[in-house]
Protein backbone atom coordinates (compact mmCIF):
# COMPACT_ATOMS: atom_id res chain seq x y z
CA MET A 1 3.32 -1.09 14.26
CA ASP A 2 5.76 1.37 12.75
CA LYS A 3 5.28 2.85 9.24
CA SER A 4 8.29 0.83 8.15
CA ASP A 5 6.51 -2.42 9.07
CA VAL A 6 4.35 -2.06 5.95
CA LEU A 7 7.39 -1.37 3.77
CA ALA A 8 9.22 -4.33 5.34
CA GLU A 9 6.28 -6.61 4.55
CA LEU A 10 6.16 -5.20 1.00
CA GLU A 11 9.84 -5.97 0.47
CA ASN A 12 9.29 -9.55 1.72
CA VAL A 13 6.48 -10.45 -0.73
CA VAL A 14 7.38 -13.49 -2.84
CA ASP A 15 4.32 -15.73 -2.66
CA ALA A 16 0.69 -15.93 -1.58
CA ASP A 17 1.50 -16.26 2.13
CA THR A 18 3.80 -13.21 2.20
CA PHE A 19 1.31 -11.25 0.08
CA LEU A 20 -1.38 -11.99 2.66
CA ARG A 21 0.92 -10.90 5.47
CA PHE A 22 1.50 -7.68 3.56
CA LEU A 23 -2.26 -7.12 3.28
CA VAL A 24 -2.70 -7.69 7.01
CA ALA A 25 0.06 -5.16 7.72
CA MET A 26 -1.66 -2.61 5.38
CA LEU A 27 -5.00 -3.13 7.13
CA LYS A 28 -3.41 -2.73 10.59
CA ASP A 29 -1.61 0.41 9.40
CA LEU A 30 -4.92 1.87 8.04
CA ARG A 31 -6.72 1.13 11.33
CA LEU A 32 -3.95 2.88 13.28
CA SER A 33 -4.24 5.85 10.94
CA GLN A 34 -8.03 6.00 11.40
CA ARG A 35 -7.69 5.91 15.21
CA ALA A 36 -5.08 8.64 15.13
CA GLU A 37 -7.28 10.79 12.90
CA LEU A 38 -10.06 10.51 15.48
CA VAL A 39 -7.75 12.01 18.15
CA VAL A 40 -6.00 14.64 16.03
CA PRO A 41 -7.54 15.07 12.56
CA SER A 42 -5.19 16.07 9.77
CA HIS A 43 -5.86 19.15 7.63
CA PRO A 44 -8.20 18.18 4.76
CA THR A 45 -5.46 18.77 2.12
CA ALA A 46 -2.74 16.95 4.06
CA GLN A 47 -1.90 13.27 4.29
CA ALA A 48 -3.79 11.40 7.02
CA ALA A 49 -1.86 9.84 9.86
CA ARG A 50 0.79 7.31 8.95
CA GLY A 51 1.09 8.65 5.38
CA TRP A 52 -2.32 7.62 4.09
CA GLU A 53 -3.44 9.64 1.01
CA ASN A 54 -6.44 7.40 0.36
CA ASN A 55 -8.26 5.83 3.27
CA GLU A 56 -11.60 5.15 1.58
CA LEU A 57 -12.01 2.10 -0.71
CA GLY A 58 -12.94 3.98 -3.87
CA SER A 59 -10.07 6.46 -3.71
CA PHE A 60 -7.74 3.74 -2.59
CA LEU A 61 -8.52 1.51 -5.58
CA GLU A 62 -8.32 4.45 -8.01
CA ALA A 63 -4.89 5.37 -6.65
CA ALA A 64 -3.71 1.73 -6.75
CA ILE A 65 -4.69 1.50 -10.41
CA ALA A 66 -3.25 4.92 -11.33
CA GLY A 67 -0.06 4.38 -9.32
CA GLY A 68 0.50 0.88 -10.74
CA ALA A 69 -0.03 2.16 -14.31
CA ALA A 70 2.07 5.34 -13.88
CA ASN A 71 4.96 3.46 -12.28
CA ARG A 72 4.59 0.54 -14.76
CA VAL A 73 4.67 -1.85 -11.78
CA GLY A 74 5.70 -5.34 -12.90
CA GLN A 75 6.29 -4.30 -16.52
CA GLY A 76 9.57 -4.43 -18.38
CA ASP A 77 11.17 -6.65 -15.77
CA ALA A 78 13.27 -9.42 -17.29
CA MET A 79 12.55 -11.59 -14.23
CA GLN A 80 8.78 -12.29 -14.74
CA THR A 81 8.60 -15.07 -12.19
CA ALA A 82 5.80 -16.00 -9.78
CA GLN A 83 7.73 -14.21 -7.02
CA ARG A 84 7.92 -11.03 -9.04
CA ALA A 85 4.20 -11.21 -9.87
CA TRP A 86 3.35 -11.40 -6.14
CA ARG A 87 5.65 -8.48 -5.43
CA ALA A 88 4.17 -6.40 -8.25
CA SER A 89 0.66 -7.11 -6.89
CA ALA A 90 1.76 -5.89 -3.45
CA GLU A 91 3.35 -2.75 -4.97
CA ILE A 92 0.09 -1.88 -6.76
CA ILE A 93 -1.80 -2.31 -3.49
CA TYR A 94 0.72 -0.08 -1.75
CA CYS A 95 0.26 2.62 -4.33
CA GLY A 96 -3.33 2.84 -3.11
CA LYS A 97 -2.00 4.16 0.19
CA ILE A 98 0.47 6.73 -1.08
CA TYR A 99 -0.42 7.71 -4.67
CA GLU A 100 -2.27 11.00 -5.12
């Protein structure tokens, strides 16, 4: 799995099924990061392997909430459809990976 696989799945989210595929991709990406960190640990102040800023549940959820709020994910969009809601949900989850 390449880092871009997670972004590709994120871009494809339009419904519950594609949201679940995105979550599976995120989990696989996290597991690959954790394995890589066992072999060659990152510096404590650097991102973990595969771009993970938050690889523990608490920090992940805090970052997802903060990133979603700071980036106003899903807000102000004229197209508030079910597809957009699923995509916004995926974007909030993705913020948990990358947001500091």
